[in-house]
Amino acid sequence: MFNILKKFQPIITDFEIIRYEIEEEQIRIQIKLALRDGSLLVIRDYKFSDNSRKYVYHWMDKTGNLRIRWDNAAHWKTVGTFPHHKHVLNEEDIRESTETDIESVLACIKGHIGDR
């Protein structure tokens, strides 16, 4: 996890670890990342003992408006990447998503805001 944050250090200005727990085969991570353009990424990623995962990566602009939220809640069965999907700019704009982990989400964000 920390290696991933270090890799994207050019776009991260600050971070707060809210929860980082490892119990046997379960992992619970909650982190807030402040990004160079003033936006914020809130990360919740849980791995359960049966190897299933639940994640939400919520990226919002500096005023708190949704930019993109990636998640795997199983309620958009018509999306080709079900259960993985993303909400773009609003709750109703649902799209396929191949970004399913912290590294791929940060790479996507880096593509939007650049790294200089």
Protein backbone atom coordinates (compact mmCIF):
# COMPACT_ATOMS: atom_id res chain seq x y z
CA MET A 1 0.00 0.00 0.00
CA PHE A 2 2.63 2.52 1.03
CA ASN A 3 4.72 1.68 -2.05
CA ILE A 4 1.72 2.62 -4.20
CA LEU A 5 1.31 5.95 -2.39
CA LYS A 6 5.02 6.63 -2.82
CA LYS A 7 4.77 5.86 -6.56
CA PHE A 8 2.07 8.54 -6.91
CA GLN A 9 3.75 11.04 -4.59
CA PRO A 10 3.93 13.71 -7.35
CA ILE A 11 0.12 14.06 -7.31
CA ILE A 12 -0.44 13.52 -3.56
CA THR A 13 0.01 16.54 -1.30
CA ASP A 14 -1.18 14.98 1.97
CA PHE A 15 -2.85 11.86 3.29
CA GLU A 16 -4.67 10.67 6.38
CA ILE A 17 -4.88 7.02 7.32
CA ILE A 18 -8.25 6.58 8.97
CA ARG A 19 -8.13 2.80 9.27
CA TYR A 20 -5.49 0.23 8.42
CA GLU A 21 -6.27 -3.09 10.03
CA ILE A 22 -5.06 -6.57 9.23
CA GLU A 23 -6.63 -9.52 11.05
CA GLU A 24 -5.58 -12.92 9.82
CA GLU A 25 -6.93 -12.91 6.23
CA GLN A 26 -9.01 -9.74 6.51
CA ILE A 27 -7.79 -6.27 5.56
CA ARG A 28 -9.63 -2.98 6.15
CA ILE A 29 -8.21 0.20 4.66
CA GLN A 30 -9.64 3.73 4.80
CA ILE A 31 -7.49 6.62 3.60
CA LYS A 32 -8.07 10.23 2.53
CA LEU A 33 -5.68 11.63 -0.06
CA ALA A 34 -5.36 15.34 -0.80
CA LEU A 35 -4.27 15.79 -4.39
CA ARG A 36 -2.20 18.46 -6.10
CA ASP A 37 -5.14 20.05 -7.91
CA GLY A 38 -7.05 20.54 -4.64
CA SER A 39 -9.25 17.49 -5.14
CA LEU A 40 -9.71 14.69 -2.59
CA LEU A 41 -9.77 10.91 -2.95
CA VAL A 42 -11.45 8.91 -0.20
CA ILE A 43 -10.49 5.23 -0.25
CA ARG A 44 -12.33 2.35 1.41
CA ASP A 45 -11.08 -1.10 0.50
CA TYR A 46 -11.93 -4.26 2.42
CA LYS A 47 -10.78 -7.81 1.79
CA PHE A 48 -12.69 -10.47 3.69
CA SER A 49 -11.57 -13.91 4.88
CA ASP A 50 -13.40 -15.59 1.96
CA ASN A 51 -11.23 -13.49 -0.44
CA SER A 52 -14.17 -11.30 -1.50
CA ARG A 53 -13.68 -7.55 -1.64
CA LYS A 54 -15.74 -4.45 -1.21
CA TYR A 55 -14.29 -1.16 -2.35
CA VAL A 56 -15.21 2.45 -2.96
CA TYR A 57 -12.82 5.08 -4.33
CA HIS A 58 -14.59 8.44 -4.20
CA TRP A 59 -12.81 11.30 -6.01
CA MET A 60 -14.27 14.76 -5.53
CA ASP A 61 -13.25 18.25 -6.55
CA LYS A 62 -12.15 20.91 -4.07
CA THR A 63 -15.78 21.94 -3.45
CA GLY A 64 -16.89 18.37 -2.69
CA ASN A 65 -18.58 17.64 -6.02
CA LEU A 66 -18.24 14.13 -7.41
CA ARG A 67 -15.69 13.67 -10.17
CA ILE A 68 -15.61 9.86 -10.29
CA ARG A 69 -16.59 7.16 -7.83
CA TRP A 70 -15.43 3.62 -8.50
CA ASP A 71 -17.09 0.77 -6.62
CA ASN A 72 -18.18 -2.85 -6.82
CA ALA A 73 -21.62 -2.70 -5.22
CA ALA A 74 -23.62 -5.36 -7.06
CA HIS A 75 -26.55 -3.22 -8.19
CA TRP A 76 -25.77 -2.31 -11.84
CA LYS A 77 -26.14 -5.74 -13.50
CA THR A 78 -26.34 -4.31 -17.03
CA VAL A 79 -22.81 -2.85 -16.87
CA GLY A 80 -20.37 -4.98 -18.86
CA THR A 81 -17.79 -5.03 -16.04
CA PHE A 82 -20.38 -5.99 -13.38
CA PRO A 83 -20.04 -5.61 -10.44
CA HIS A 84 -17.22 -3.13 -11.13
CA HIS A 85 -18.44 0.27 -12.30
CA LYS A 86 -17.92 4.00 -11.91
CA HIS A 87 -20.14 7.03 -11.47
CA VAL A 88 -18.86 9.98 -13.51
CA LEU A 89 -19.75 13.53 -12.43
CA ASN A 90 -23.10 12.40 -11.01
CA GLU A 91 -24.81 9.35 -9.52
CA GLU A 92 -26.79 8.59 -12.68
CA ASP A 93 -23.88 8.41 -15.16
CA ILE A 94 -22.83 4.77 -14.66
CA ARG A 95 -20.01 3.38 -16.80
CA GLU A 96 -17.91 0.25 -17.10
CA SER A 97 -14.75 0.27 -15.02
CA THR A 98 -11.51 -1.64 -15.24
CA GLU A 99 -10.02 0.40 -12.40
CA THR A 100 -10.57 -1.96 -9.47
CA ASP A 101 -7.69 -1.20 -7.12
CA ILE A 102 -5.91 1.76 -5.60
CA GLU A 103 -3.05 1.77 -8.10
CA SER A 104 -5.26 1.77 -11.20
CA VAL A 105 -7.51 4.48 -9.73
CA LEU A 106 -4.52 6.69 -8.93
CA ALA A 107 -3.16 6.11 -12.45
CA CYS A 108 -6.49 7.26 -13.87
CA ILE A 109 -6.50 10.36 -11.67
CA LYS A 110 -2.90 11.10 -12.62
CA GLY A 111 -3.98 10.99 -16.26
CA HIS A 112 -6.62 13.65 -15.50
CA ILE A 113 -4.51 16.03 -13.42
CA GLY A 114 -1.01 15.28 -14.71
CA ASP A 115 2.06 14.81 -12.53
CA ARG A 116 3.96 18.10 -12.72
